[in-house]
Amino acid sequence: MAEYKAASALREHMLEGHPVTLLEAFLLFGVQGPNAEFSRIKKDGFLIESRPVPMAKVIRRINEYTVCKVPESLPYKEIQLTEYWIKK
């Protein structure tokens, strides 16, 4: 059985064209330092782009894989997170 490597899983996900946020990197992949991993991807010659997205969009994406509930008092529709992807 192959050993799970969080950083490799994140990289493969991004190379497949999927965007990720820091929240997704922590929750879905278990990457402890997503920014460090983004730096390693850049050093390997890939261009990483970013844009702000509503947290509501990110929570919806996370809920495709697991259950993630936000506190009722959190204005998650107004909060912006940064989404990163590898430009092809």
C-alpha atoms as a PDB file:
ATOM      1  CA  MET A   1       0.000   0.000   0.000  1.00  0.00           C
ATOM      2  CA  ALA A   2       1.372   3.403  -0.989  1.00  0.00           C
ATOM      3  CA  GLU A   3       2.019   5.960   1.725  1.00  0.00           C
ATOM      4  CA  TYR A   4      -0.169   9.101   1.597  1.00  0.00           C
ATOM      5  CA  LYS A   5       1.762  12.305   1.027  1.00  0.00           C
ATOM      6  CA  ALA A   6      -0.301  15.433   1.599  1.00  0.00           C
ATOM      7  CA  ALA A   7       1.919  17.735  -0.450  1.00  0.00           C
ATOM      8  CA  SER A   8       1.898  15.337  -3.415  1.00  0.00           C
ATOM      9  CA  ALA A   9      -1.887  15.025  -3.269  1.00  0.00           C
ATOM     10  CA  LEU A  10      -2.254  18.822  -3.256  1.00  0.00           C
ATOM     11  CA  ARG A  11       0.158  19.180  -6.183  1.00  0.00           C
ATOM     12  CA  GLU A  12      -1.634  16.504  -8.238  1.00  0.00           C
ATOM     13  CA  HIS A  13      -5.006  18.112  -7.526  1.00  0.00           C
ATOM     14  CA  MET A  14      -3.711  21.472  -8.743  1.00  0.00           C
ATOM     15  CA  LEU A  15      -2.006  19.946 -11.801  1.00  0.00           C
ATOM     16  CA  GLU A  16      -5.393  18.461 -12.750  1.00  0.00           C
ATOM     17  CA  GLY A  17      -6.612  22.060 -13.044  1.00  0.00           C
ATOM     18  CA  HIS A  18      -8.434  22.415  -9.726  1.00  0.00           C
ATOM     19  CA  PRO A  19      -8.095  25.643  -7.738  1.00  0.00           C
ATOM     20  CA  VAL A  20      -7.441  25.474  -3.987  1.00  0.00           C
ATOM     21  CA  THR A  21      -7.533  27.826  -1.021  1.00  0.00           C
ATOM     22  CA  LEU A  22      -5.490  27.592   2.151  1.00  0.00           C
ATOM     23  CA  LEU A  23      -8.607  26.313   3.934  1.00  0.00           C
ATOM     24  CA  GLU A  24      -8.999  23.461   1.430  1.00  0.00           C
ATOM     25  CA  ALA A  25      -5.298  22.608   1.635  1.00  0.00           C
ATOM     26  CA  PHE A  26      -5.604  22.223   5.427  1.00  0.00           C
ATOM     27  CA  LEU A  27      -8.985  20.467   5.570  1.00  0.00           C
ATOM     28  CA  LEU A  28      -8.959  18.232   2.506  1.00  0.00           C
ATOM     29  CA  PHE A  29      -5.284  17.420   2.035  1.00  0.00           C
ATOM     30  CA  GLY A  30      -3.747  17.905   5.476  1.00  0.00           C
ATOM     31  CA  VAL A  31      -0.984  20.161   4.163  1.00  0.00           C
ATOM     32  CA  GLN A  32       0.543  21.938   7.163  1.00  0.00           C
ATOM     33  CA  GLY A  33       2.200  24.730   5.167  1.00  0.00           C
ATOM     34  CA  PRO A  34       0.340  25.378   1.902  1.00  0.00           C
ATOM     35  CA  ASN A  35       2.313  28.542   1.112  1.00  0.00           C
ATOM     36  CA  ALA A  36       5.580  26.619   1.376  1.00  0.00           C
ATOM     37  CA  GLU A  37       4.188  23.990  -0.978  1.00  0.00           C
ATOM     38  CA  PHE A  38       3.105  26.697  -3.441  1.00  0.00           C
ATOM     39  CA  SER A  39       6.696  28.005  -3.345  1.00  0.00           C
ATOM     40  CA  ARG A  40       8.051  24.519  -4.128  1.00  0.00           C
ATOM     41  CA  ILE A  41       5.625  24.217  -7.053  1.00  0.00           C
ATOM     42  CA  LYS A  42       6.836  27.595  -8.364  1.00  0.00           C
ATOM     43  CA  LYS A  43      10.482  26.506  -7.996  1.00  0.00           C
ATOM     44  CA  ASP A  44       9.634  23.508 -10.183  1.00  0.00           C
ATOM     45  CA  GLY A  45       8.749  25.944 -12.983  1.00  0.00           C
ATOM     46  CA  PHE A  46       4.980  26.243 -12.676  1.00  0.00           C
ATOM     47  CA  LEU A  47       3.160  29.573 -12.621  1.00  0.00           C
ATOM     48  CA  ILE A  48       0.635  29.896  -9.795  1.00  0.00           C
ATOM     49  CA  GLU A  49      -2.073  32.515 -10.151  1.00  0.00           C
ATOM     50  CA  SER A  50      -4.568  33.726  -7.570  1.00  0.00           C
ATOM     51  CA  ARG A  51      -7.832  35.602  -7.161  1.00  0.00           C
ATOM     52  CA  PRO A  52     -10.254  36.391  -4.328  1.00  0.00           C
ATOM     53  CA  VAL A  53     -13.394  34.234  -4.072  1.00  0.00           C
ATOM     54  CA  PRO A  54     -16.308  34.230  -1.612  1.00  0.00           C
ATOM     55  CA  MET A  55     -15.919  31.840   1.307  1.00  0.00           C
ATOM     56  CA  ALA A  56     -19.399  30.491   0.464  1.00  0.00           C
ATOM     57  CA  LYS A  57     -18.005  29.113  -2.813  1.00  0.00           C
ATOM     58  CA  VAL A  58     -15.120  27.441  -0.979  1.00  0.00           C
ATOM     59  CA  ILE A  59     -17.418  25.886   1.641  1.00  0.00           C
ATOM     60  CA  ARG A  60     -19.621  24.503  -1.144  1.00  0.00           C
ATOM     61  CA  ARG A  61     -16.554  22.920  -2.803  1.00  0.00           C
ATOM     62  CA  ILE A  62     -15.341  21.455   0.493  1.00  0.00           C
ATOM     63  CA  ASN A  63     -18.792  19.975   1.107  1.00  0.00           C
ATOM     64  CA  GLU A  64     -18.447  17.953  -2.106  1.00  0.00           C
ATOM     65  CA  TYR A  65     -15.847  15.845  -0.255  1.00  0.00           C
ATOM     66  CA  THR A  66     -16.658  16.183   3.446  1.00  0.00           C
ATOM     67  CA  VAL A  67     -19.010  17.976   5.829  1.00  0.00           C
ATOM     68  CA  CYS A  68     -17.964  21.485   6.784  1.00  0.00           C
ATOM     69  CA  LYS A  69     -20.394  23.673   8.708  1.00  0.00           C
ATOM     70  CA  VAL A  70     -19.766  27.315   9.447  1.00  0.00           C
ATOM     71  CA  PRO A  71     -20.956  28.972  12.667  1.00  0.00           C
ATOM     72  CA  GLU A  72     -24.298  30.732  12.253  1.00  0.00           C
ATOM     73  CA  SER A  73     -22.801  34.045  13.376  1.00  0.00           C
ATOM     74  CA  LEU A  74     -20.017  33.935  10.757  1.00  0.00           C
ATOM     75  CA  PRO A  75     -20.792  36.146   7.726  1.00  0.00           C
ATOM     76  CA  TYR A  76     -19.197  33.602   5.374  1.00  0.00           C
ATOM     77  CA  LYS A  77     -20.964  35.023   2.297  1.00  0.00           C
ATOM     78  CA  GLU A  78     -19.103  38.303   2.813  1.00  0.00           C
ATOM     79  CA  ILE A  79     -15.662  36.843   3.619  1.00  0.00           C
ATOM     80  CA  GLN A  80     -13.172  36.588   0.765  1.00  0.00           C
ATOM     81  CA  LEU A  81     -10.515  33.864   0.554  1.00  0.00           C
ATOM     82  CA  THR A  82      -7.693  33.631  -1.963  1.00  0.00           C
ATOM     83  CA  GLU A  83      -7.899  30.814  -4.477  1.00  0.00           C
ATOM     84  CA  TYR A  84      -4.721  29.515  -6.171  1.00  0.00           C
ATOM     85  CA  TRP A  85      -4.294  27.482  -9.342  1.00  0.00           C
ATOM     86  CA  ILE A  86      -1.539  26.416 -11.698  1.00  0.00           C
ATOM     87  CA  LYS A  87      -1.661  28.303 -14.987  1.00  0.00           C
ATOM     88  CA  LYS A  88      -1.291  26.030 -18.000  1.00  0.00           C
END
